[in-house]
Amino acid sequence: MSSTTGSHDTLDGTDGGAVDSVDGPWLRSTASAGTRPKSERYPGCHHRVRVAALTAEVEALEAEVEALEQIVESKERQRQQLIDNYETIVAARSEADDAADAESDASDETERWRLRAAVASRLERAAAWVRRSDE
């Protein structure tokens, strides 16, 4: 970072080499002690302000985490409800299948006629659609 031996590259009186990669920029002033602004004349002032800002940021992040945890819990409840509904449907179908086995001969014939009627109805609709598109 230094362009000449013993000197530091600076931007607006800030040492560019004093950057903490984890916590973001942590800039150190390169100005002399006699030219410090009034807010820096009190040694703990900047530290207290930074601590307060970081505390506020931590609180905001904790609130965001709590909100996300609530969303996850809600999604988990929805997922469990879906699983319960599916299991109920499967149980009801298997009970219906057991009861239907006794009547399977008569119902198979009825089901075949229903399927044929459904296919015929769809064919009629398709034919009507083709006729309309030709006009």
Protein backbone atom coordinates (compact mmCIF):
# COMPACT_ATOMS: atom_id res chain seq x y z
CA MET A 1 0.00 0.00 0.00
CA SER A 2 2.84 2.41 0.52
CA SER A 3 4.11 4.30 -2.48
CA THR A 4 7.41 5.27 -0.84
CA THR A 5 9.30 3.84 2.07
CA GLY A 6 7.84 5.00 5.37
CA SER A 7 4.74 6.72 3.93
CA HIS A 8 1.13 5.52 3.82
CA ASP A 9 -1.47 6.08 1.10
CA THR A 10 -4.34 7.98 2.63
CA LEU A 11 -7.81 9.02 1.58
CA ASP A 12 -9.14 12.15 3.25
CA GLY A 13 -6.77 11.76 6.21
CA THR A 14 -7.72 8.12 6.77
CA ASP A 15 -5.23 5.24 6.75
CA GLY A 16 -6.39 2.90 3.97
CA GLY A 17 -4.40 0.03 5.45
CA ALA A 18 -6.42 -0.08 8.64
CA VAL A 19 -9.34 -2.09 7.29
CA ASP A 20 -10.74 -5.04 9.20
CA SER A 21 -12.06 -7.55 6.66
CA VAL A 22 -14.51 -9.16 9.10
CA ASP A 23 -16.16 -6.15 10.70
CA GLY A 24 -15.87 -3.87 7.71
CA PRO A 25 -13.81 -0.74 7.49
CA TRP A 26 -12.16 0.38 10.67
CA LEU A 27 -10.48 3.56 9.74
CA ARG A 28 -7.78 5.27 11.74
CA SER A 29 -7.12 8.96 11.38
CA THR A 30 -3.71 10.02 10.04
CA ALA A 31 -4.25 13.66 10.99
CA SER A 32 -2.11 15.02 13.81
CA ALA A 33 -3.51 15.22 17.34
CA GLY A 34 -3.63 19.02 17.19
CA THR A 35 -6.02 19.04 14.21
CA ARG A 36 -8.62 16.61 15.60
CA PRO A 37 -12.25 17.66 15.31
CA LYS A 38 -14.11 18.49 18.54
CA SER A 39 -15.94 15.13 18.60
CA GLU A 40 -12.59 13.30 18.76
CA ARG A 41 -11.11 15.42 21.55
CA TYR A 42 -12.81 13.20 24.10
CA PRO A 43 -11.16 9.78 23.85
CA GLY A 44 -14.19 7.59 24.69
CA CYS A 45 -16.78 9.53 22.68
CA HIS A 46 -16.21 7.80 19.34
CA HIS A 47 -16.07 4.41 21.05
CA ARG A 48 -19.38 4.99 22.87
CA VAL A 49 -21.07 6.13 19.66
CA ARG A 50 -19.76 3.08 17.79
CA VAL A 51 -20.88 0.76 20.61
CA ALA A 52 -24.34 2.35 20.57
CA ALA A 53 -24.58 1.96 16.79
CA LEU A 54 -23.44 -1.65 16.96
CA THR A 55 -25.88 -2.36 19.79
CA ALA A 56 -28.73 -0.97 17.69
CA GLU A 57 -27.62 -3.07 14.73
CA VAL A 58 -27.47 -6.21 16.90
CA GLU A 59 -30.98 -5.51 18.20
CA ALA A 60 -32.27 -5.05 14.65
CA LEU A 61 -30.63 -8.29 13.55
CA GLU A 62 -32.04 -10.15 16.56
CA ALA A 63 -35.52 -8.86 15.69
CA GLU A 64 -35.04 -10.02 12.10
CA VAL A 65 -33.90 -13.45 13.29
CA GLU A 66 -36.95 -13.71 15.56
CA ALA A 67 -39.26 -12.79 12.67
CA LEU A 68 -37.61 -15.38 10.44
CA GLU A 69 -37.92 -18.01 13.16
CA GLN A 70 -41.64 -17.26 13.41
CA ILE A 71 -41.98 -17.66 9.65
CA VAL A 72 -40.15 -20.99 9.81
CA GLU A 73 -42.42 -22.18 12.63
CA SER A 74 -45.49 -21.14 10.63
CA LYS A 75 -44.23 -22.99 7.56
CA GLU A 76 -43.51 -26.05 9.71
CA ARG A 77 -47.08 -25.97 11.06
CA GLN A 78 -48.42 -25.69 7.50
CA ARG A 79 -46.23 -28.58 6.41
CA GLN A 80 -47.40 -30.75 9.30
CA GLN A 81 -51.04 -29.87 8.55
CA LEU A 82 -50.50 -30.87 4.92
CA ILE A 83 -48.98 -34.19 6.00
CA ASP A 84 -51.89 -34.82 8.38
CA ASN A 85 -54.41 -34.02 5.63
CA TYR A 86 -52.62 -36.34 3.21
CA GLU A 87 -52.60 -39.17 5.75
CA THR A 88 -56.32 -38.64 6.40
CA ILE A 89 -57.08 -38.76 2.67
CA VAL A 90 -54.98 -41.89 2.18
CA ALA A 91 -56.68 -43.60 5.12
CA ALA A 92 -60.13 -42.66 3.81
CA ARG A 93 -59.27 -43.94 0.34
CA SER A 94 -57.96 -47.24 1.62
CA GLU A 95 -61.14 -47.68 3.69
CA ALA A 96 -63.20 -46.86 0.61
CA ASP A 97 -61.13 -49.30 -1.45
CA ASP A 98 -61.77 -52.06 1.10
CA ALA A 99 -65.51 -51.39 0.96
CA ALA A 100 -65.44 -51.14 -2.82
CA ASP A 101 -63.82 -54.56 -3.22
CA ALA A 102 -67.08 -56.16 -2.11
CA GLU A 103 -69.00 -54.32 -4.79
CA SER A 104 -66.19 -54.28 -7.36
CA ASP A 105 -67.95 -56.26 -10.09
CA ALA A 106 -70.94 -53.93 -10.32
CA SER A 107 -68.92 -50.79 -9.76
CA ASP A 108 -66.26 -51.78 -12.35
CA GLU A 109 -68.90 -51.88 -15.06
CA THR A 110 -70.35 -48.56 -13.90
CA GLU A 111 -66.87 -47.04 -13.82
CA ARG A 112 -66.17 -48.21 -17.37
CA TRP A 113 -69.36 -46.55 -18.60
CA ARG A 114 -68.43 -43.35 -16.75
CA LEU A 115 -65.00 -43.33 -18.35
CA ARG A 116 -66.47 -43.93 -21.80
CA ALA A 117 -68.97 -41.12 -21.28
CA ALA A 118 -66.19 -38.78 -20.18
CA VAL A 119 -64.07 -39.63 -23.23
CA ALA A 120 -67.07 -39.16 -25.54
CA SER A 121 -67.84 -35.80 -23.95
CA ARG A 122 -64.26 -34.62 -24.42
CA LEU A 123 -64.25 -35.77 -28.03
CA GLU A 124 -67.47 -33.86 -28.67
CA ARG A 125 -65.96 -30.70 -27.15
CA ALA A 126 -62.79 -31.10 -29.22
CA ALA A 127 -64.82 -31.58 -32.40
CA ALA A 128 -66.89 -28.48 -31.62
CA TRP A 129 -63.71 -26.50 -30.99
CA VAL A 130 -62.23 -27.64 -34.32
CA ARG A 131 -65.45 -26.68 -36.13
CA ARG A 132 -65.38 -23.20 -34.55
CA SER A 133 -61.74 -22.67 -35.49
CA ASP A 134 -62.48 -23.62 -39.13
CA GLU A 135 -65.21 -20.99 -39.41
